[in-house]
Amino acid sequence: MMSAHARYRETQVAEATPQEVLLGTYDGMLQRIARARQAMLDRDPAEKGRQLSPVFVAIGELRVALDHARAPQLCANLDALYDYLGRRLQQASCKLDVTIIDEVSQHIRELRGTWAQAFHSLKPGTAR
């Protein structure tokens, strides 16, 4: 049986625009990375793993969702960046290196900001 909160979240995702889903994915990744960072500082490998596991899944899903036929160069660049971020997260996890976690987090924040700005500029009435 699904909890009320789980039903609410499922409805939110089902009704979200693709843009909202993408930004929400980045937000969720950033939240989990921050918790994993704290788990590293607390020397809690189990919690670090619980937090990073969904981030690796999200990176994989972002890579699979790329439409190389529509925007080959952009998708190739994003695919390479997502691959890099996944490898760096793996290194951070193995080495318990928060500086690498911070680097990955910064890249994801920049990606989120770039997409948010692009989506905002596409909204009707927001032409500059």
N, C-alpha and C. Protein backbone atom coordinates (compact mmCIF):
# COMPACT_ATOMS: atom_id res chain seq x y z
N MET A 1 0.84 -1.17 0.00
CA MET A 1 0.00 0.00 0.00
C MET A 1 0.89 1.25 0.00
N MET A 2 0.55 2.20 -0.84
CA MET A 2 1.35 3.41 -1.01
C MET A 2 0.91 4.46 0.02
N SER A 3 1.89 5.11 0.64
CA SER A 3 1.59 6.16 1.61
C SER A 3 1.02 7.38 0.91
N ALA A 4 0.39 8.24 1.68
CA ALA A 4 -0.17 9.47 1.13
C ALA A 4 0.94 10.33 0.52
N HIS A 5 2.08 10.38 1.19
CA HIS A 5 3.21 11.17 0.68
C HIS A 5 3.69 10.59 -0.65
N ALA A 6 3.78 9.27 -0.75
CA ALA A 6 4.24 8.64 -1.99
C ALA A 6 3.26 8.91 -3.12
N ARG A 7 1.96 8.85 -2.83
CA ARG A 7 0.95 9.15 -3.86
C ARG A 7 1.06 10.61 -4.31
N TYR A 8 1.26 11.50 -3.34
CA TYR A 8 1.41 12.92 -3.66
C TYR A 8 2.61 13.14 -4.57
N ARG A 9 3.77 12.53 -4.23
CA ARG A 9 4.98 12.68 -5.04
C ARG A 9 4.76 12.10 -6.44
N GLU A 10 4.10 10.95 -6.51
CA GLU A 10 3.83 10.33 -7.81
C GLU A 10 2.97 11.24 -8.67
N THR A 11 1.98 11.87 -8.07
CA THR A 11 1.11 12.80 -8.80
C THR A 11 1.89 14.02 -9.26
N GLN A 12 2.76 14.53 -8.40
CA GLN A 12 3.58 15.69 -8.77
C GLN A 12 4.42 15.38 -10.00
N VAL A 13 5.06 14.23 -10.01
CA VAL A 13 5.92 13.85 -11.14
C VAL A 13 5.08 13.64 -12.39
N ALA A 14 3.92 12.98 -12.25
CA ALA A 14 3.08 12.71 -13.41
C ALA A 14 2.56 13.99 -14.05
N GLU A 15 2.34 15.02 -13.25
CA GLU A 15 1.80 16.27 -13.77
C GLU A 15 2.88 17.29 -14.12
N ALA A 16 4.12 16.98 -13.86
CA ALA A 16 5.22 17.92 -14.10
C ALA A 16 5.56 17.99 -15.59
N THR A 17 6.05 19.15 -15.99
CA THR A 17 6.54 19.29 -17.36
C THR A 17 7.91 18.62 -17.43
N PRO A 18 8.37 18.29 -18.63
CA PRO A 18 9.72 17.73 -18.76
C PRO A 18 10.78 18.65 -18.16
N GLN A 19 10.58 19.96 -18.29
CA GLN A 19 11.53 20.90 -17.73
C GLN A 19 11.55 20.79 -16.20
N GLU A 20 10.37 20.70 -15.58
CA GLU A 20 10.30 20.57 -14.12
C GLU A 20 10.93 19.26 -13.65
N VAL A 21 10.74 18.20 -14.42
CA VAL A 21 11.33 16.91 -14.06
C VAL A 21 12.86 17.00 -14.11
N LEU A 22 13.39 17.63 -15.15
CA LEU A 22 14.84 17.76 -15.26
C LEU A 22 15.41 18.58 -14.11
N LEU A 23 14.81 19.73 -13.84
CA LEU A 23 15.30 20.57 -12.75
C LEU A 23 15.14 19.86 -11.41
N GLY A 24 14.04 19.13 -11.24
CA GLY A 24 13.84 18.36 -10.02
C GLY A 24 14.86 17.25 -9.86
N THR A 25 15.25 16.66 -10.97
CA THR A 25 16.28 15.62 -10.93
C THR A 25 17.59 16.21 -10.44
N TYR A 26 17.95 17.36 -11.00
CA TYR A 26 19.18 18.03 -10.54
C TYR A 26 19.07 18.40 -9.06
N ASP A 27 17.91 18.92 -8.65
CA ASP A 27 17.73 19.29 -7.24
C ASP A 27 17.89 18.08 -6.33
N GLY A 28 17.28 16.97 -6.71
CA GLY A 28 17.40 15.75 -5.92
C GLY A 28 18.84 15.25 -5.85
N MET A 29 19.54 15.33 -6.96
CA MET A 29 20.94 14.92 -6.97
C MET A 29 21.76 15.79 -6.02
N LEU A 30 21.52 17.10 -6.07
CA LEU A 30 22.27 18.02 -5.20
C LEU A 30 21.98 17.74 -3.72
N GLN A 31 20.74 17.46 -3.39
CA GLN A 31 20.39 17.15 -2.00
C GLN A 31 21.08 15.88 -1.54
N ARG A 32 21.04 14.86 -2.36
CA ARG A 32 21.66 13.59 -1.99
C ARG A 32 23.17 13.70 -1.90
N ILE A 33 23.77 14.45 -2.82
CA ILE A 33 25.22 14.64 -2.78
C ILE A 33 25.62 15.37 -1.49
N ALA A 34 24.83 16.36 -1.10
CA ALA A 34 25.12 17.08 0.15
C ALA A 34 25.04 16.13 1.34
N ARG A 35 24.04 15.25 1.34
CA ARG A 35 23.92 14.28 2.44
C ARG A 35 25.06 13.26 2.41
N ALA A 36 25.46 12.87 1.21
CA ALA A 36 26.58 11.93 1.08
C ALA A 36 27.87 12.59 1.57
N ARG A 37 28.02 13.85 1.27
CA ARG A 37 29.21 14.59 1.73
C ARG A 37 29.26 14.58 3.25
N GLN A 38 28.12 14.85 3.87
CA GLN A 38 28.09 14.84 5.33
C GLN A 38 28.38 13.45 5.87
N ALA A 39 27.85 12.44 5.21
CA ALA A 39 28.12 11.05 5.64
C ALA A 39 29.61 10.73 5.53
N MET A 40 30.27 11.27 4.52
CA MET A 40 31.71 11.08 4.40
C MET A 40 32.43 11.72 5.58
N LEU A 41 32.03 12.93 5.91
CA LEU A 41 32.65 13.62 7.04
C LEU A 41 32.38 12.89 8.36
N ASP A 42 31.20 12.27 8.45
CA ASP A 42 30.82 11.52 9.64
C ASP A 42 31.39 10.10 9.65
N ARG A 43 32.09 9.74 8.58
CA ARG A 43 32.65 8.39 8.43
C ARG A 43 31.55 7.33 8.51
N ASP A 44 30.47 7.59 7.77
CA ASP A 44 29.32 6.68 7.74
C ASP A 44 29.18 6.13 6.31
N PRO A 45 29.92 5.07 5.98
CA PRO A 45 29.91 4.57 4.61
C PRO A 45 28.55 4.05 4.15
N ALA A 46 27.77 3.50 5.06
CA ALA A 46 26.46 2.98 4.67
C ALA A 46 25.55 4.12 4.21
N GLU A 47 25.54 5.20 4.98
CA GLU A 47 24.71 6.35 4.60
C GLU A 47 25.22 6.99 3.32
N LYS A 48 26.54 7.09 3.19
CA LYS A 48 27.12 7.63 1.95
C LYS A 48 26.61 6.83 0.75
N GLY A 49 26.64 5.51 0.88
CA GLY A 49 26.17 4.65 -0.21
C GLY A 49 24.69 4.81 -0.49
N ARG A 50 23.88 4.92 0.57
CA ARG A 50 22.43 5.11 0.39
C ARG A 50 22.15 6.42 -0.34
N GLN A 51 22.94 7.43 -0.06
CA GLN A 51 22.70 8.72 -0.70
C GLN A 51 23.23 8.78 -2.13
N LEU A 52 24.37 8.16 -2.38
CA LEU A 52 24.96 8.23 -3.73
C LEU A 52 24.32 7.29 -4.73
N SER A 53 23.80 6.17 -4.27
CA SER A 53 23.22 5.19 -5.19
C SER A 53 22.17 5.81 -6.12
N PRO A 54 21.20 6.56 -5.60
CA PRO A 54 20.22 7.18 -6.51
C PRO A 54 20.83 8.24 -7.43
N VAL A 55 21.93 8.83 -7.02
CA VAL A 55 22.59 9.82 -7.88
C VAL A 55 23.19 9.12 -9.09
N PHE A 56 23.81 7.97 -8.87
CA PHE A 56 24.34 7.20 -10.01
C PHE A 56 23.20 6.78 -10.95
N VAL A 57 22.07 6.39 -10.38
CA VAL A 57 20.90 6.02 -11.21
C VAL A 57 20.44 7.22 -12.01
N ALA A 58 20.34 8.38 -11.36
CA ALA A 58 19.88 9.59 -12.06
C ALA A 58 20.82 9.96 -13.20
N ILE A 59 22.12 9.86 -12.96
CA ILE A 59 23.08 10.16 -14.02
C ILE A 59 22.86 9.22 -15.20
N GLY A 60 22.66 7.95 -14.92
CA GLY A 60 22.39 6.99 -15.99
C GLY A 60 21.11 7.32 -16.74
N GLU A 61 20.07 7.71 -16.02
CA GLU A 61 18.81 8.07 -16.67
C GLU A 61 18.96 9.33 -17.51
N LEU A 62 19.72 10.30 -17.03
CA LEU A 62 19.97 11.51 -17.81
C LEU A 62 20.69 11.17 -19.11
N ARG A 63 21.63 10.26 -19.03
CA ARG A 63 22.37 9.85 -20.24
C ARG A 63 21.46 9.15 -21.23
N VAL A 64 20.62 8.26 -20.73
CA VAL A 64 19.71 7.51 -21.61
C VAL A 64 18.69 8.44 -22.27
N ALA A 65 18.29 9.48 -21.57
CA ALA A 65 17.25 10.39 -22.08
C ALA A 65 17.76 11.34 -23.16
N LEU A 66 19.06 11.42 -23.35
CA LEU A 66 19.60 12.32 -24.37
C LEU A 66 19.12 11.91 -25.76
N ASP A 67 18.66 12.89 -26.53
CA ASP A 67 18.16 12.64 -27.89
C ASP A 67 19.25 13.06 -28.88
N HIS A 68 20.16 12.12 -29.14
CA HIS A 68 21.31 12.41 -30.00
C HIS A 68 20.90 12.77 -31.42
N ALA A 69 19.75 12.28 -31.87
CA ALA A 69 19.30 12.59 -33.24
C ALA A 69 18.89 14.06 -33.37
N ARG A 70 18.33 14.63 -32.31
CA ARG A 70 17.87 16.03 -32.38
C ARG A 70 18.99 17.04 -32.19
N ALA A 71 19.92 16.74 -31.31
CA ALA A 71 20.99 17.69 -31.01
C ALA A 71 22.28 16.91 -30.76
N PRO A 72 22.89 16.40 -31.84
CA PRO A 72 24.03 15.51 -31.67
C PRO A 72 25.20 16.10 -30.89
N GLN A 73 25.59 17.33 -31.18
CA GLN A 73 26.75 17.91 -30.49
C GLN A 73 26.45 18.17 -29.03
N LEU A 74 25.30 18.77 -28.75
CA LEU A 74 24.92 19.04 -27.36
C LEU A 74 24.84 17.73 -26.58
N CYS A 75 24.20 16.73 -27.15
CA CYS A 75 24.05 15.46 -26.45
C CYS A 75 25.39 14.76 -26.25
N ALA A 76 26.26 14.85 -27.22
CA ALA A 76 27.60 14.26 -27.06
C ALA A 76 28.34 14.94 -25.91
N ASN A 77 28.22 16.26 -25.84
CA ASN A 77 28.88 17.00 -24.76
C ASN A 77 28.28 16.64 -23.40
N LEU A 78 26.95 16.61 -23.32
CA LEU A 78 26.29 16.26 -22.06
C LEU A 78 26.61 14.83 -21.66
N ASP A 79 26.61 13.92 -22.62
CA ASP A 79 26.92 12.53 -22.32
C ASP A 79 28.33 12.40 -21.74
N ALA A 80 29.27 13.11 -22.33
CA ALA A 80 30.65 13.07 -21.83
C ALA A 80 30.72 13.68 -20.43
N LEU A 81 29.98 14.76 -20.20
CA LEU A 81 29.98 15.38 -18.88
C LEU A 81 29.35 14.46 -17.84
N TYR A 82 28.22 13.85 -18.17
CA TYR A 82 27.57 12.92 -17.24
C TYR A 82 28.48 11.73 -16.94
N ASP A 83 29.17 11.24 -17.97
CA ASP A 83 30.12 10.14 -17.76
C ASP A 83 31.22 10.59 -16.79
N TYR A 84 31.75 11.77 -17.00
CA TYR A 84 32.79 12.31 -16.13
C TYR A 84 32.28 12.45 -14.70
N LEU A 85 31.08 12.99 -14.54
CA LEU A 85 30.53 13.18 -13.20
C LEU A 85 30.34 11.84 -12.49
N GLY A 86 29.89 10.85 -13.21
CA GLY A 86 29.74 9.52 -12.62
C GLY A 86 31.08 8.94 -12.17
N ARG A 87 32.09 9.09 -13.01
CA ARG A 87 33.42 8.59 -12.65
C ARG A 87 33.99 9.35 -11.46
N ARG A 88 33.80 10.66 -11.42
CA ARG A 88 34.29 11.45 -10.29
C ARG A 88 33.56 11.11 -8.99
N LEU A 89 32.26 10.87 -9.09
CA LEU A 89 31.52 10.45 -7.89
C LEU A 89 32.04 9.12 -7.37
N GLN A 90 32.34 8.22 -8.30
CA GLN A 90 32.88 6.92 -7.90
C GLN A 90 34.22 7.11 -7.18
N GLN A 91 35.06 7.97 -7.73
CA GLN A 91 36.34 8.27 -7.09
C GLN A 91 36.14 8.88 -5.71
N ALA A 92 35.22 9.83 -5.63
CA ALA A 92 34.95 10.47 -4.33
C ALA A 92 34.47 9.45 -3.32
N SER A 93 33.63 8.56 -3.76
CA SER A 93 33.08 7.54 -2.86
C SER A 93 34.17 6.60 -2.36
N CYS A 94 35.03 6.17 -3.26
CA CYS A 94 36.09 5.24 -2.87
C CYS A 94 37.14 5.90 -1.98
N LYS A 95 37.47 7.16 -2.29
CA LYS A 95 38.53 7.85 -1.55
C LYS A 95 38.00 8.64 -0.35
N LEU A 96 36.68 8.70 -0.21
CA LEU A 96 36.05 9.54 0.82
C LEU A 96 36.57 10.98 0.71
N ASP A 97 36.59 11.48 -0.52
CA ASP A 97 37.17 12.79 -0.81
C ASP A 97 36.06 13.82 -1.04
N VAL A 98 35.85 14.68 -0.06
CA VAL A 98 34.78 15.67 -0.19
C VAL A 98 35.12 16.76 -1.21
N THR A 99 36.39 16.97 -1.53
CA THR A 99 36.71 17.97 -2.55
C THR A 99 36.20 17.52 -3.91
N ILE A 100 36.24 16.23 -4.16
CA ILE A 100 35.69 15.72 -5.43
C ILE A 100 34.17 15.86 -5.41
N ILE A 101 33.56 15.54 -4.28
CA ILE A 101 32.11 15.70 -4.14
C ILE A 101 31.72 17.16 -4.40
N ASP A 102 32.49 18.08 -3.86
CA ASP A 102 32.21 19.50 -4.07
C ASP A 102 32.32 19.87 -5.54
N GLU A 103 33.30 19.32 -6.23
CA GLU A 103 33.47 19.57 -7.66
C GLU A 103 32.25 19.10 -8.44
N VAL A 104 31.81 17.88 -8.16
CA VAL A 104 30.65 17.32 -8.85
C VAL A 104 29.42 18.16 -8.56
N SER A 105 29.24 18.52 -7.31
CA SER A 105 28.09 19.34 -6.92
C SER A 105 28.09 20.66 -7.68
N GLN A 106 29.24 21.28 -7.81
CA GLN A 106 29.34 22.55 -8.53
C GLN A 106 28.95 22.38 -10.00
N HIS A 107 29.41 21.32 -10.63
CA HIS A 107 29.03 21.07 -12.03
C HIS A 107 27.52 20.89 -12.16
N ILE A 108 26.92 20.16 -11.23
CA ILE A 108 25.47 19.93 -11.30
C ILE A 108 24.71 21.23 -11.06
N ARG A 109 25.17 22.05 -10.11
CA ARG A 109 24.55 23.36 -9.88
C ARG A 109 24.61 24.22 -11.15
N GLU A 110 25.75 24.20 -11.82
CA GLU A 110 25.90 24.97 -13.06
C GLU A 110 24.98 24.45 -14.16
N LEU A 111 24.90 23.13 -14.29
CA LEU A 111 23.98 22.55 -15.27
C LEU A 111 22.54 22.96 -14.98
N ARG A 112 22.15 22.83 -13.71
CA ARG A 112 20.79 23.19 -13.32
C ARG A 112 20.51 24.66 -13.65
N GLY A 113 21.45 25.53 -13.31
CA GLY A 113 21.27 26.95 -13.57
C GLY A 113 21.16 27.27 -15.05
N THR A 114 21.97 26.60 -15.84
CA THR A 114 21.94 26.82 -17.29
C THR A 114 20.60 26.38 -17.87
N TRP A 115 20.14 25.19 -17.47
CA TRP A 115 18.84 24.71 -17.96
C TRP A 115 17.70 25.60 -17.47
N ALA A 116 17.74 26.01 -16.21
CA ALA A 116 16.68 26.88 -15.68
C ALA A 116 16.62 28.18 -16.47
N GLN A 117 17.77 28.74 -16.78
CA GLN A 117 17.81 29.98 -17.56
C GLN A 117 17.27 29.75 -18.97
N ALA A 118 17.65 28.64 -19.58
CA ALA A 118 17.16 28.33 -20.93
C ALA A 118 15.65 28.14 -20.92
N PHE A 119 15.12 27.42 -19.95
CA PHE A 119 13.68 27.19 -19.88
C PHE A 119 12.94 28.51 -19.64
N HIS A 120 13.51 29.38 -18.80
CA HIS A 120 12.88 30.67 -18.53
C HIS A 120 12.82 31.51 -19.80
N SER A 121 13.86 31.46 -20.60
CA SER A 121 13.89 32.27 -21.82
C SER A 121 12.92 31.74 -22.87
N LEU A 122 12.49 30.49 -22.74
CA LEU A 122 11.54 29.91 -23.70
C LEU A 122 10.09 30.18 -23.34
N LYS A 123 9.84 30.63 -22.11
CA LYS A 123 8.46 30.90 -21.69
C LYS A 123 7.90 32.10 -22.46
N PRO A 124 6.63 32.02 -22.84
CA PRO A 124 6.01 33.16 -23.53
C PRO A 124 6.07 34.40 -22.66
N GLY A 125 6.39 35.53 -23.28
CA GLY A 125 6.43 36.80 -22.56
C GLY A 125 7.72 37.06 -21.83
N THR A 126 8.73 36.18 -22.00
CA THR A 126 9.99 36.40 -21.31
C THR A 126 11.10 36.76 -22.29
N ALA A 127 10.74 37.10 -23.51
CA ALA A 127 11.78 37.47 -24.49
C ALA A 127 12.49 38.72 -24.00
N ARG A 128 13.77 38.77 -24.29
CA ARG A 128 14.57 39.91 -23.81
C ARG A 128 14.94 40.81 -24.92
